[in-house]
N, C-alpha and C. Protein backbone atom coordinates (compact mmCIF):
# COMPACT_ATOMS: atom_id res chain seq x y z
N MET A 1 6.14 25.04 -73.54
CA MET A 1 5.65 26.03 -72.57
C MET A 1 4.12 25.98 -72.52
N VAL A 2 3.58 25.90 -71.31
CA VAL A 2 2.13 25.88 -71.12
C VAL A 2 1.59 27.30 -71.21
N GLU A 3 0.51 27.49 -71.97
CA GLU A 3 -0.10 28.80 -72.12
C GLU A 3 -1.59 28.74 -71.82
N SER A 4 -2.13 29.83 -71.32
CA SER A 4 -3.55 29.95 -71.04
C SER A 4 -4.29 30.34 -72.32
N LEU A 5 -5.44 29.69 -72.55
CA LEU A 5 -6.24 30.03 -73.73
C LEU A 5 -6.73 31.47 -73.63
N ASN A 6 -7.10 31.92 -72.43
CA ASN A 6 -7.51 33.32 -72.27
C ASN A 6 -6.42 34.27 -72.73
N ALA A 7 -5.18 33.94 -72.38
CA ALA A 7 -4.06 34.80 -72.78
C ALA A 7 -3.87 34.77 -74.29
N LEU A 8 -4.04 33.61 -74.88
CA LEU A 8 -3.89 33.50 -76.33
C LEU A 8 -4.97 34.31 -77.06
N LEU A 9 -6.19 34.24 -76.54
CA LEU A 9 -7.30 34.93 -77.21
C LEU A 9 -7.22 36.44 -77.03
N GLY A 10 -6.76 36.88 -75.87
CA GLY A 10 -6.66 38.31 -75.63
C GLY A 10 -7.99 39.03 -75.69
N GLY A 11 -9.08 38.33 -75.37
CA GLY A 11 -10.40 38.94 -75.38
C GLY A 11 -11.06 39.03 -76.74
N ALA A 12 -10.44 38.47 -77.77
CA ALA A 12 -10.99 38.55 -79.13
C ALA A 12 -11.47 37.17 -79.58
N MET A 13 -12.65 37.12 -80.16
CA MET A 13 -13.22 35.86 -80.64
C MET A 13 -12.49 35.42 -81.91
N PRO A 14 -11.88 34.23 -81.92
CA PRO A 14 -11.21 33.75 -83.14
C PRO A 14 -12.23 33.13 -84.09
N THR A 15 -11.92 33.15 -85.36
CA THR A 15 -12.80 32.53 -86.35
C THR A 15 -12.11 31.42 -87.14
N SER A 16 -10.80 31.26 -86.91
CA SER A 16 -10.07 30.20 -87.60
C SER A 16 -8.73 30.01 -86.89
N GLY A 17 -7.99 29.00 -87.31
CA GLY A 17 -6.67 28.78 -86.76
C GLY A 17 -6.67 28.02 -85.45
N LEU A 18 -5.50 27.95 -84.82
CA LEU A 18 -5.33 27.17 -83.60
C LEU A 18 -6.20 27.68 -82.47
N ASN A 19 -6.27 28.99 -82.28
CA ASN A 19 -7.07 29.53 -81.18
C ASN A 19 -8.54 29.14 -81.32
N PHE A 20 -9.04 29.16 -82.54
CA PHE A 20 -10.43 28.75 -82.78
C PHE A 20 -10.62 27.29 -82.43
N GLU A 21 -9.70 26.44 -82.85
CA GLU A 21 -9.82 25.01 -82.58
C GLU A 21 -9.75 24.72 -81.09
N LEU A 22 -8.88 25.43 -80.38
CA LEU A 22 -8.77 25.24 -78.93
C LEU A 22 -10.04 25.68 -78.22
N LEU A 23 -10.60 26.82 -78.63
CA LEU A 23 -11.83 27.30 -78.01
C LEU A 23 -12.99 26.36 -78.29
N LYS A 24 -13.07 25.89 -79.52
CA LYS A 24 -14.14 24.95 -79.87
C LYS A 24 -14.03 23.67 -79.07
N ALA A 25 -12.79 23.19 -78.87
CA ALA A 25 -12.58 21.97 -78.08
C ALA A 25 -12.95 22.18 -76.62
N SER A 26 -12.68 23.37 -76.09
CA SER A 26 -13.01 23.63 -74.68
C SER A 26 -14.52 23.65 -74.48
N TYR A 27 -15.25 24.16 -75.45
CA TYR A 27 -16.71 24.15 -75.35
C TYR A 27 -17.23 22.72 -75.37
N ALA A 28 -16.68 21.91 -76.25
CA ALA A 28 -17.15 20.53 -76.36
C ALA A 28 -16.81 19.72 -75.11
N ALA A 29 -15.61 19.94 -74.55
CA ALA A 29 -15.16 19.14 -73.41
C ALA A 29 -15.88 19.52 -72.13
N SER A 30 -16.34 20.76 -72.00
CA SER A 30 -16.93 21.23 -70.75
C SER A 30 -18.43 20.98 -70.67
N GLY A 31 -19.02 20.45 -71.73
CA GLY A 31 -20.46 20.22 -71.72
C GLY A 31 -21.26 21.44 -72.08
N GLY A 32 -20.59 22.46 -72.62
CA GLY A 32 -21.27 23.71 -72.93
C GLY A 32 -21.91 23.78 -74.29
N GLY A 33 -21.83 22.67 -75.03
CA GLY A 33 -22.43 22.67 -76.35
C GLY A 33 -21.49 23.23 -77.40
N GLU A 34 -22.03 23.52 -78.55
CA GLU A 34 -21.23 23.97 -79.69
C GLU A 34 -20.88 25.45 -79.58
N LEU A 35 -19.67 25.77 -79.99
CA LEU A 35 -19.23 27.17 -80.05
C LEU A 35 -19.87 27.86 -81.25
N HIS A 36 -20.45 29.04 -81.01
CA HIS A 36 -21.02 29.86 -82.08
C HIS A 36 -20.33 31.23 -82.01
N THR A 37 -19.45 31.48 -82.92
CA THR A 37 -18.66 32.72 -82.86
C THR A 37 -19.51 33.97 -83.05
N ASN A 38 -20.71 33.82 -83.59
CA ASN A 38 -21.58 34.99 -83.81
C ASN A 38 -22.61 35.17 -82.71
N TRP A 39 -22.60 34.31 -81.71
CA TRP A 39 -23.55 34.46 -80.62
C TRP A 39 -23.06 35.51 -79.63
N ALA A 40 -23.98 36.33 -79.15
CA ALA A 40 -23.63 37.40 -78.23
C ALA A 40 -23.06 36.86 -76.92
N PHE A 41 -23.66 35.79 -76.38
CA PHE A 41 -23.15 35.21 -75.15
C PHE A 41 -21.70 34.78 -75.29
N HIS A 42 -21.40 34.09 -76.39
CA HIS A 42 -20.05 33.56 -76.57
C HIS A 42 -19.04 34.67 -76.81
N GLN A 43 -19.44 35.68 -77.53
CA GLN A 43 -18.54 36.82 -77.74
C GLN A 43 -18.29 37.55 -76.42
N PHE A 44 -19.33 37.73 -75.63
CA PHE A 44 -19.21 38.40 -74.34
C PHE A 44 -18.30 37.60 -73.41
N ALA A 45 -18.50 36.28 -73.38
CA ALA A 45 -17.70 35.43 -72.49
C ALA A 45 -16.23 35.44 -72.86
N VAL A 46 -15.92 35.45 -74.15
CA VAL A 46 -14.52 35.51 -74.57
C VAL A 46 -13.92 36.86 -74.20
N ARG A 47 -14.66 37.92 -74.44
CA ARG A 47 -14.16 39.26 -74.15
C ARG A 47 -13.89 39.45 -72.65
N GLU A 48 -14.77 38.89 -71.81
CA GLU A 48 -14.64 39.06 -70.36
C GLU A 48 -13.84 37.93 -69.71
N ARG A 49 -13.36 36.98 -70.52
CA ARG A 49 -12.53 35.87 -70.03
C ARG A 49 -13.25 35.05 -68.96
N PHE A 50 -14.44 34.57 -69.31
CA PHE A 50 -15.27 33.80 -68.39
C PHE A 50 -14.94 32.32 -68.41
N GLY A 51 -14.05 31.88 -69.28
CA GLY A 51 -13.75 30.46 -69.37
C GLY A 51 -14.82 29.72 -70.14
N ALA A 52 -14.79 28.41 -70.02
CA ALA A 52 -15.69 27.55 -70.79
C ALA A 52 -17.11 27.56 -70.20
N PRO A 53 -18.11 27.35 -71.06
CA PRO A 53 -19.48 27.19 -70.55
C PRO A 53 -19.62 25.82 -69.91
N LEU A 54 -20.43 25.75 -68.86
CA LEU A 54 -20.63 24.47 -68.17
C LEU A 54 -21.91 23.78 -68.59
N ALA A 55 -22.72 24.47 -69.38
CA ALA A 55 -23.97 23.90 -69.88
C ALA A 55 -24.37 24.65 -71.13
N PRO A 56 -25.14 24.02 -72.02
CA PRO A 56 -25.62 24.74 -73.21
C PRO A 56 -26.56 25.87 -72.81
N SER A 57 -26.75 26.80 -73.71
CA SER A 57 -27.69 27.89 -73.45
C SER A 57 -29.11 27.33 -73.44
N LYS A 58 -30.00 28.03 -72.73
CA LYS A 58 -31.39 27.62 -72.63
C LYS A 58 -32.24 28.84 -72.33
N SER A 59 -33.55 28.67 -72.35
CA SER A 59 -34.47 29.76 -72.02
C SER A 59 -35.26 29.38 -70.78
N ILE A 60 -35.47 30.37 -69.91
CA ILE A 60 -36.27 30.15 -68.70
C ILE A 60 -37.22 31.32 -68.52
N PRO A 61 -38.40 31.09 -67.92
CA PRO A 61 -39.32 32.19 -67.63
C PRO A 61 -39.02 32.78 -66.26
N VAL A 62 -38.99 34.10 -66.19
CA VAL A 62 -38.79 34.80 -64.91
C VAL A 62 -39.71 36.01 -64.89
N ALA A 63 -40.58 36.07 -63.90
CA ALA A 63 -41.46 37.22 -63.70
C ALA A 63 -42.22 37.59 -64.98
N GLY A 64 -42.76 36.58 -65.65
CA GLY A 64 -43.57 36.82 -66.83
C GLY A 64 -42.81 37.11 -68.11
N GLN A 65 -41.48 36.96 -68.09
CA GLN A 65 -40.68 37.20 -69.28
C GLN A 65 -39.70 36.04 -69.49
N ASN A 66 -39.45 35.70 -70.74
CA ASN A 66 -38.52 34.63 -71.04
C ASN A 66 -37.11 35.19 -71.23
N TYR A 67 -36.13 34.48 -70.65
CA TYR A 67 -34.74 34.90 -70.74
C TYR A 67 -33.88 33.77 -71.30
N ASP A 68 -32.97 34.13 -72.20
CA ASP A 68 -31.91 33.21 -72.59
C ASP A 68 -30.83 33.29 -71.52
N ILE A 69 -30.30 32.12 -71.14
CA ILE A 69 -29.24 32.10 -70.14
C ILE A 69 -28.16 31.11 -70.56
N GLN A 70 -26.96 31.29 -70.05
CA GLN A 70 -25.92 30.28 -70.19
C GLN A 70 -24.95 30.42 -69.03
N VAL A 71 -24.61 29.27 -68.44
CA VAL A 71 -23.71 29.21 -67.29
C VAL A 71 -22.28 29.02 -67.79
N PHE A 72 -21.41 29.94 -67.43
CA PHE A 72 -19.98 29.82 -67.71
C PHE A 72 -19.24 29.59 -66.40
N ALA A 73 -17.99 29.21 -66.49
CA ALA A 73 -17.23 28.92 -65.28
C ALA A 73 -17.18 30.12 -64.35
N CYS A 74 -16.95 31.29 -64.89
CA CYS A 74 -16.72 32.47 -64.06
C CYS A 74 -17.96 33.32 -63.82
N ASP A 75 -19.03 33.10 -64.56
CA ASP A 75 -20.25 33.88 -64.36
C ASP A 75 -21.37 33.26 -65.18
N THR A 76 -22.59 33.68 -64.89
CA THR A 76 -23.76 33.24 -65.65
C THR A 76 -24.36 34.45 -66.36
N LEU A 77 -24.67 34.28 -67.64
CA LEU A 77 -25.19 35.37 -68.46
C LEU A 77 -26.67 35.16 -68.75
N CYS A 78 -27.38 36.27 -68.91
CA CYS A 78 -28.78 36.20 -69.30
C CYS A 78 -29.12 37.44 -70.13
N SER A 79 -30.17 37.30 -70.93
CA SER A 79 -30.71 38.44 -71.67
C SER A 79 -32.14 38.08 -72.06
N PRO A 80 -33.03 39.07 -72.18
CA PRO A 80 -34.38 38.78 -72.64
C PRO A 80 -34.34 38.12 -74.02
N VAL A 81 -35.20 37.15 -74.22
CA VAL A 81 -35.24 36.45 -75.51
C VAL A 81 -35.47 37.46 -76.63
N GLY A 82 -34.64 37.37 -77.65
CA GLY A 82 -34.74 38.28 -78.78
C GLY A 82 -34.02 39.60 -78.58
N GLN A 83 -33.35 39.76 -77.45
CA GLN A 83 -32.62 41.00 -77.18
C GLN A 83 -31.17 40.67 -76.80
N PRO A 84 -30.38 40.20 -77.74
CA PRO A 84 -28.99 39.80 -77.42
C PRO A 84 -28.12 40.96 -76.93
N GLY A 85 -28.55 42.18 -77.17
CA GLY A 85 -27.78 43.33 -76.69
C GLY A 85 -28.04 43.65 -75.23
N GLY A 86 -29.00 42.97 -74.62
CA GLY A 86 -29.35 43.26 -73.23
C GLY A 86 -28.75 42.27 -72.25
N ILE A 87 -27.50 41.89 -72.46
CA ILE A 87 -26.87 40.88 -71.61
C ILE A 87 -26.62 41.44 -70.20
N ARG A 88 -26.96 40.61 -69.22
CA ARG A 88 -26.66 40.91 -67.83
C ARG A 88 -25.91 39.73 -67.23
N ARG A 89 -25.10 40.00 -66.22
CA ARG A 89 -24.32 38.95 -65.58
C ARG A 89 -24.78 38.75 -64.15
N LEU A 90 -24.84 37.51 -63.74
CA LEU A 90 -25.33 37.18 -62.41
C LEU A 90 -24.54 37.89 -61.33
N SER A 91 -23.22 37.97 -61.48
CA SER A 91 -22.38 38.57 -60.45
C SER A 91 -22.68 40.05 -60.23
N ALA A 92 -23.36 40.70 -61.17
CA ALA A 92 -23.66 42.12 -61.06
C ALA A 92 -25.08 42.37 -60.55
N LEU A 93 -25.86 41.31 -60.32
CA LEU A 93 -27.24 41.47 -59.88
C LEU A 93 -27.31 41.63 -58.38
N ALA A 94 -28.22 42.45 -57.92
CA ALA A 94 -28.49 42.57 -56.49
C ALA A 94 -29.34 41.38 -56.05
N PRO A 95 -29.20 40.94 -54.80
CA PRO A 95 -30.02 39.82 -54.33
C PRO A 95 -31.52 40.07 -54.41
N THR A 96 -31.92 41.32 -54.49
CA THR A 96 -33.35 41.64 -54.59
C THR A 96 -33.85 41.60 -56.03
N ASP A 97 -32.95 41.46 -57.00
CA ASP A 97 -33.37 41.41 -58.41
C ASP A 97 -34.15 40.12 -58.66
N PRO A 98 -35.28 40.19 -59.37
CA PRO A 98 -36.07 38.98 -59.64
C PRO A 98 -35.28 37.87 -60.34
N LEU A 99 -34.21 38.23 -61.04
CA LEU A 99 -33.42 37.22 -61.75
C LEU A 99 -32.41 36.51 -60.84
N TYR A 100 -32.12 37.08 -59.70
CA TYR A 100 -31.02 36.60 -58.87
C TYR A 100 -31.19 35.14 -58.44
N GLU A 101 -32.29 34.84 -57.80
CA GLU A 101 -32.51 33.48 -57.30
C GLU A 101 -32.64 32.46 -58.44
N PRO A 102 -33.45 32.73 -59.48
CA PRO A 102 -33.54 31.76 -60.57
C PRO A 102 -32.21 31.49 -61.26
N LEU A 103 -31.40 32.53 -61.44
CA LEU A 103 -30.12 32.32 -62.11
C LEU A 103 -29.15 31.52 -61.24
N TRP A 104 -29.17 31.76 -59.93
CA TRP A 104 -28.33 30.94 -59.07
C TRP A 104 -28.79 29.48 -59.09
N GLY A 105 -30.09 29.27 -59.14
CA GLY A 105 -30.60 27.91 -59.24
C GLY A 105 -30.10 27.21 -60.50
N GLU A 106 -30.09 27.93 -61.61
CA GLU A 106 -29.58 27.37 -62.86
C GLU A 106 -28.06 27.18 -62.82
N THR A 107 -27.37 28.06 -62.10
CA THR A 107 -25.91 27.98 -62.03
C THR A 107 -25.46 26.74 -61.27
N TYR A 108 -26.29 26.27 -60.35
CA TYR A 108 -25.97 25.02 -59.64
C TYR A 108 -26.30 23.78 -60.47
N GLY A 109 -27.06 23.94 -61.53
CA GLY A 109 -27.47 22.79 -62.33
C GLY A 109 -26.33 21.92 -62.83
N PRO A 110 -25.29 22.48 -63.44
CA PRO A 110 -24.22 21.64 -63.99
C PRO A 110 -23.52 20.76 -62.97
N CYS A 111 -23.41 21.18 -61.71
CA CYS A 111 -22.73 20.34 -60.71
C CYS A 111 -23.68 19.34 -60.06
N GLY A 112 -24.97 19.43 -60.41
CA GLY A 112 -25.93 18.45 -59.92
C GLY A 112 -26.31 18.61 -58.46
N GLN A 113 -26.09 19.79 -57.90
CA GLN A 113 -26.41 20.03 -56.50
C GLN A 113 -27.49 21.10 -56.38
N PRO A 114 -28.32 21.03 -55.35
CA PRO A 114 -29.36 22.05 -55.19
C PRO A 114 -28.78 23.37 -54.71
N TYR A 115 -29.38 24.44 -55.18
CA TYR A 115 -29.01 25.78 -54.73
C TYR A 115 -29.63 26.04 -53.37
N GLN A 116 -28.82 26.45 -52.41
CA GLN A 116 -29.30 26.76 -51.06
C GLN A 116 -28.85 28.17 -50.72
N SER A 117 -29.75 29.11 -50.82
CA SER A 117 -29.39 30.52 -50.66
C SER A 117 -28.87 30.83 -49.27
N GLY A 118 -29.28 30.06 -48.26
CA GLY A 118 -28.86 30.33 -46.89
C GLY A 118 -27.53 29.70 -46.52
N SER A 119 -26.94 28.92 -47.42
CA SER A 119 -25.66 28.27 -47.11
C SER A 119 -24.58 29.33 -46.92
N PRO A 120 -23.81 29.26 -45.82
CA PRO A 120 -22.72 30.24 -45.65
C PRO A 120 -21.66 30.12 -46.74
N PHE A 121 -21.47 28.93 -47.27
CA PHE A 121 -20.52 28.77 -48.38
C PHE A 121 -21.02 29.53 -49.61
N GLN A 122 -22.31 29.37 -49.92
CA GLN A 122 -22.89 30.05 -51.07
C GLN A 122 -22.84 31.56 -50.90
N GLN A 123 -23.17 32.04 -49.73
CA GLN A 123 -23.16 33.48 -49.49
C GLN A 123 -21.75 34.06 -49.62
N PHE A 124 -20.77 33.34 -49.09
CA PHE A 124 -19.38 33.79 -49.21
C PHE A 124 -18.96 33.83 -50.67
N ALA A 125 -19.27 32.77 -51.41
CA ALA A 125 -18.87 32.69 -52.82
C ALA A 125 -19.53 33.77 -53.66
N ALA A 126 -20.80 34.05 -53.40
CA ALA A 126 -21.51 35.08 -54.16
C ALA A 126 -20.89 36.45 -53.90
N ASN A 127 -20.57 36.74 -52.65
CA ASN A 127 -19.97 38.04 -52.31
C ASN A 127 -18.57 38.19 -52.88
N ALA A 128 -17.83 37.06 -52.96
CA ALA A 128 -16.45 37.10 -53.44
C ALA A 128 -16.36 36.88 -54.95
N HIS A 129 -17.49 36.65 -55.62
CA HIS A 129 -17.53 36.44 -57.07
C HIS A 129 -16.60 35.29 -57.48
N LEU A 130 -16.89 34.11 -56.94
CA LEU A 130 -16.04 32.93 -57.20
C LEU A 130 -16.54 32.08 -58.35
N GLY A 131 -17.54 32.55 -59.08
CA GLY A 131 -18.00 31.82 -60.24
C GLY A 131 -18.94 30.68 -59.90
N ALA A 132 -19.07 29.76 -60.82
CA ALA A 132 -20.02 28.66 -60.68
C ALA A 132 -19.53 27.62 -59.69
N PRO A 133 -20.44 26.99 -58.94
CA PRO A 133 -20.04 25.90 -58.06
C PRO A 133 -19.72 24.66 -58.90
N LEU A 134 -18.70 23.94 -58.48
CA LEU A 134 -18.34 22.68 -59.13
C LEU A 134 -18.67 21.49 -58.25
N SER A 135 -19.16 21.76 -57.05
CA SER A 135 -19.59 20.70 -56.14
C SER A 135 -20.56 21.28 -55.15
N GLY A 136 -21.18 20.41 -54.37
CA GLY A 136 -21.91 20.86 -53.20
C GLY A 136 -20.96 20.92 -52.02
N VAL A 137 -21.51 21.15 -50.83
CA VAL A 137 -20.70 21.12 -49.62
C VAL A 137 -20.53 19.67 -49.19
N TYR A 138 -19.31 19.28 -48.88
CA TYR A 138 -19.06 17.89 -48.48
C TYR A 138 -17.95 17.84 -47.44
N PRO A 139 -17.93 16.77 -46.60
CA PRO A 139 -16.88 16.65 -45.59
C PRO A 139 -15.58 16.17 -46.22
N LEU A 140 -14.48 16.73 -45.77
CA LEU A 140 -13.17 16.30 -46.23
C LEU A 140 -12.77 15.07 -45.44
N ALA A 141 -12.58 13.96 -46.15
CA ALA A 141 -12.37 12.66 -45.50
C ALA A 141 -11.23 12.72 -44.49
N GLY A 142 -11.52 12.16 -43.31
CA GLY A 142 -10.49 12.06 -42.28
C GLY A 142 -10.24 13.34 -41.52
N THR A 143 -11.06 14.36 -41.73
CA THR A 143 -10.88 15.64 -41.05
C THR A 143 -12.23 16.15 -40.55
N SER A 144 -12.19 17.27 -39.85
CA SER A 144 -13.42 17.91 -39.39
C SER A 144 -13.85 19.04 -40.31
N TYR A 145 -13.23 19.14 -41.49
CA TYR A 145 -13.49 20.25 -42.40
C TYR A 145 -14.64 19.95 -43.36
N GLN A 146 -15.38 21.02 -43.68
CA GLN A 146 -16.37 21.00 -44.75
C GLN A 146 -15.78 21.79 -45.92
N VAL A 147 -16.10 21.35 -47.13
CA VAL A 147 -15.46 21.94 -48.32
C VAL A 147 -16.52 22.17 -49.40
N GLN A 148 -16.34 23.23 -50.18
CA GLN A 148 -17.10 23.41 -51.42
C GLN A 148 -16.18 24.01 -52.47
N VAL A 149 -16.24 23.43 -53.66
CA VAL A 149 -15.37 23.84 -54.76
C VAL A 149 -16.14 24.75 -55.71
N PHE A 150 -15.56 25.91 -55.99
CA PHE A 150 -16.10 26.83 -57.00
C PHE A 150 -15.06 26.99 -58.11
N ALA A 151 -15.48 27.56 -59.21
CA ALA A 151 -14.60 27.67 -60.38
C ALA A 151 -13.34 28.48 -60.08
N LEU A 152 -13.46 29.50 -59.22
CA LEU A 152 -12.33 30.40 -59.00
C LEU A 152 -11.65 30.23 -57.64
N ASP A 153 -12.15 29.33 -56.82
CA ASP A 153 -11.49 29.04 -55.54
C ASP A 153 -12.22 27.89 -54.86
N THR A 154 -11.56 27.32 -53.86
CA THR A 154 -12.17 26.29 -53.03
C THR A 154 -12.30 26.83 -51.62
N LEU A 155 -13.48 26.67 -51.04
CA LEU A 155 -13.77 27.16 -49.70
C LEU A 155 -13.76 26.00 -48.71
N TYR A 156 -13.32 26.28 -47.49
CA TYR A 156 -13.35 25.25 -46.45
C TYR A 156 -13.68 25.88 -45.11
N MET A 157 -14.23 25.06 -44.23
CA MET A 157 -14.62 25.53 -42.90
C MET A 157 -14.30 24.44 -41.89
N GLY A 158 -13.63 24.83 -40.80
CA GLY A 158 -13.28 23.90 -39.74
C GLY A 158 -14.16 24.08 -38.52
N ALA A 159 -13.63 23.62 -37.38
CA ALA A 159 -14.40 23.66 -36.14
C ALA A 159 -14.70 25.08 -35.68
N ASP A 160 -13.93 26.05 -36.18
CA ASP A 160 -14.17 27.44 -35.77
C ASP A 160 -15.31 28.09 -36.54
N ASN A 161 -15.89 27.35 -37.49
CA ASN A 161 -17.03 27.84 -38.29
C ASN A 161 -16.69 29.07 -39.11
N GLN A 162 -15.43 29.27 -39.41
CA GLN A 162 -14.99 30.39 -40.24
C GLN A 162 -14.67 29.86 -41.65
N ILE A 163 -15.32 30.44 -42.66
CA ILE A 163 -15.05 30.02 -44.03
C ILE A 163 -13.76 30.68 -44.52
N LYS A 164 -12.91 29.87 -45.11
CA LYS A 164 -11.62 30.36 -45.60
C LYS A 164 -11.41 29.89 -47.03
N ARG A 165 -10.47 30.56 -47.71
CA ARG A 165 -10.20 30.26 -49.11
C ARG A 165 -8.91 29.46 -49.24
N MET A 166 -8.95 28.44 -50.08
CA MET A 166 -7.75 27.65 -50.31
C MET A 166 -6.65 28.51 -50.92
N SER A 167 -7.01 29.50 -51.72
CA SER A 167 -6.02 30.36 -52.37
C SER A 167 -5.21 31.16 -51.36
N ALA A 168 -5.70 31.27 -50.12
CA ALA A 168 -4.97 32.02 -49.09
C ALA A 168 -3.98 31.14 -48.34
N LEU A 169 -4.00 29.84 -48.58
CA LEU A 169 -3.07 28.94 -47.92
C LEU A 169 -1.69 29.06 -48.57
N PRO A 170 -0.62 28.82 -47.81
CA PRO A 170 0.71 28.83 -48.43
C PRO A 170 0.85 27.69 -49.40
N MET A 171 1.61 27.90 -50.44
CA MET A 171 1.83 26.86 -51.42
C MET A 171 2.52 25.67 -50.77
N PRO A 172 2.04 24.45 -51.03
CA PRO A 172 2.69 23.28 -50.44
C PRO A 172 4.07 23.05 -51.02
N THR A 173 4.96 22.57 -50.19
CA THR A 173 6.31 22.22 -50.65
C THR A 173 6.67 20.87 -50.07
N PHE A 174 7.73 20.28 -50.59
CA PHE A 174 8.17 19.00 -50.06
C PHE A 174 8.71 19.15 -48.64
N ASP A 175 9.15 20.35 -48.28
CA ASP A 175 9.69 20.55 -46.95
C ASP A 175 8.64 20.33 -45.86
N ASN A 176 7.36 20.69 -46.17
CA ASN A 176 6.35 20.48 -45.15
C ASN A 176 5.38 19.36 -45.51
N ALA A 177 5.77 18.53 -46.47
CA ALA A 177 4.96 17.39 -46.85
C ALA A 177 5.16 16.25 -45.85
N PRO A 178 4.17 15.35 -45.73
CA PRO A 178 4.33 14.21 -44.83
C PRO A 178 5.54 13.36 -45.23
N PRO A 179 6.19 12.73 -44.25
CA PRO A 179 7.38 11.93 -44.57
C PRO A 179 7.14 10.86 -45.62
N GLU A 180 5.94 10.25 -45.58
CA GLU A 180 5.68 9.19 -46.56
C GLU A 180 5.63 9.73 -47.98
N LEU A 181 5.19 10.99 -48.14
CA LEU A 181 5.17 11.58 -49.46
C LEU A 181 6.59 11.87 -49.94
N ARG A 182 7.42 12.41 -49.04
CA ARG A 182 8.80 12.67 -49.42
C ARG A 182 9.52 11.37 -49.77
N ALA A 183 9.20 10.31 -49.00
CA ALA A 183 9.85 9.03 -49.28
C ALA A 183 9.40 8.48 -50.63
N ALA A 184 8.12 8.69 -50.96
CA ALA A 184 7.61 8.17 -52.23
C ALA A 184 8.31 8.81 -53.41
N PHE A 185 8.72 10.06 -53.22
CA PHE A 185 9.42 10.76 -54.30
C PHE A 185 10.93 10.72 -54.13
N ASN A 186 11.39 9.96 -53.09
CA ASN A 186 12.83 9.83 -52.84
C ASN A 186 13.49 11.19 -52.76
N PHE A 187 12.83 12.07 -51.97
CA PHE A 187 13.25 13.47 -51.90
C PHE A 187 13.77 13.78 -50.51
N SER A 188 14.94 14.37 -50.42
CA SER A 188 15.48 14.81 -49.14
C SER A 188 15.29 16.30 -49.02
N THR A 189 14.92 16.76 -47.80
CA THR A 189 14.74 18.21 -47.62
C THR A 189 16.06 18.95 -47.68
N ASN A 190 17.15 18.24 -47.47
CA ASN A 190 18.48 18.84 -47.57
C ASN A 190 19.36 17.97 -48.47
N PRO A 191 19.02 17.96 -49.75
CA PRO A 191 19.77 17.09 -50.65
C PRO A 191 21.23 17.53 -50.76
N ALA A 192 22.11 16.54 -50.92
CA ALA A 192 23.53 16.85 -51.10
C ALA A 192 23.72 17.54 -52.43
N PRO A 193 24.60 18.52 -52.48
CA PRO A 193 24.83 19.20 -53.75
C PRO A 193 25.41 18.23 -54.76
N PRO A 194 25.05 18.40 -56.03
CA PRO A 194 25.56 17.49 -57.04
C PRO A 194 27.07 17.63 -57.20
N THR A 195 27.70 16.51 -57.51
CA THR A 195 29.14 16.53 -57.75
C THR A 195 29.42 17.21 -59.07
N PRO A 196 30.22 18.24 -59.08
CA PRO A 196 30.47 18.93 -60.36
C PRO A 196 31.17 18.02 -61.34
N ALA A 197 30.72 18.10 -62.57
CA ALA A 197 31.33 17.29 -63.61
C ALA A 197 32.70 17.83 -63.94
N THR A 198 33.63 16.92 -64.20
CA THR A 198 34.99 17.31 -64.55
C THR A 198 35.26 16.94 -65.99
N SER A 199 35.62 17.93 -66.76
CA SER A 199 35.95 17.66 -68.15
C SER A 199 37.37 17.12 -68.25
N PRO A 200 37.57 16.03 -69.00
CA PRO A 200 38.92 15.49 -69.14
C PRO A 200 39.88 16.49 -69.76
N HIS A 201 39.33 17.44 -70.50
CA HIS A 201 40.19 18.43 -71.15
C HIS A 201 40.68 19.51 -70.19
N LEU A 202 40.01 19.57 -69.00
CA LEU A 202 40.38 20.59 -68.03
C LEU A 202 41.23 20.02 -66.90
N ALA A 203 41.54 18.71 -66.96
CA ALA A 203 42.35 18.11 -65.91
C ALA A 203 43.75 18.67 -65.95
N ARG A 204 44.33 18.88 -64.75
CA ARG A 204 45.68 19.45 -64.66
C ARG A 204 46.69 18.43 -65.19
N PRO A 205 47.53 18.81 -66.11
CA PRO A 205 48.50 17.85 -66.64
C PRO A 205 49.54 17.50 -65.58
N GLN A 206 49.91 16.24 -65.55
CA GLN A 206 50.91 15.79 -64.60
C GLN A 206 52.30 16.17 -65.11
N SER A 207 53.20 16.53 -64.17
CA SER A 207 54.57 16.87 -64.58
C SER A 207 55.31 15.61 -65.02
N ARG A 208 56.05 15.77 -66.03
CA ARG A 208 56.79 14.63 -66.58
C ARG A 208 58.23 14.70 -66.09
N ARG A 209 58.62 13.71 -65.31
CA ARG A 209 59.97 13.67 -64.79
C ARG A 209 60.80 12.70 -65.64
N PRO A 210 62.03 13.09 -65.90
CA PRO A 210 62.87 12.18 -66.71
C PRO A 210 63.18 10.90 -65.94
N ARG A 211 63.15 9.83 -66.68
CA ARG A 211 63.50 8.55 -66.06
C ARG A 211 64.99 8.54 -65.70
N PRO A 212 65.30 7.82 -64.62
CA PRO A 212 66.72 7.71 -64.24
C PRO A 212 67.54 7.13 -65.38
N GLY A 213 68.70 7.73 -65.64
CA GLY A 213 69.60 7.22 -66.65
C GLY A 213 69.32 7.71 -68.05
N ILE A 214 68.26 8.53 -68.18
CA ILE A 214 67.92 9.04 -69.52
C ILE A 214 68.19 10.52 -69.54
N SER A 215 68.99 10.92 -70.48
CA SER A 215 69.37 12.32 -70.57
C SER A 215 68.46 13.06 -71.51
N ARG A 216 68.15 14.33 -71.19
CA ARG A 216 67.31 15.17 -72.05
C ARG A 216 68.12 15.80 -73.17
N GLY A 217 69.51 15.69 -73.05
CA GLY A 217 70.32 16.41 -74.02
C GLY A 217 70.31 15.83 -75.40
């Protein structure tokens, strides 16, 4: 059975056992650096179920003050250097906050794309709290759609210039899949019902008739 690490942790930071090893592995695999169970950022992220960090923690100057920051999949955290109790989250900042633009710039860092505050995709994602971007805006091959992937959803826009969420699309099924895909999986939309198995022990016994000339007496 597949289980979510967030569900296993239940918002509590593990210090040993399987949950600890899984969390440590997720930090290493995501490029977020080493897991520190005593760090305020890491404890906060586990408690709020922010997922794995996408980059190691770092310090940046903003408006004459230095801030520790770390980008997680679902949000970016910051606090004044030396004040681990003063954690703030990017998703809770107003656009007029001096930290807002610098933190979004850092949040785009892991995907290697520039932050563009005027992008309609970015504005939609910020308002919907879709977490960190995992790509820039790019054309979907063979279509007229533009796409941008975020940690919590994928956004797309067609000729109508309306941004929509992939999560709002109906789940794909083989019934509406292209014929070549159904053929590749040898799948019929109306498969014949399986032939029920017959147990030899449940077969109806044949009546035994006496052979001609043989008496039962």
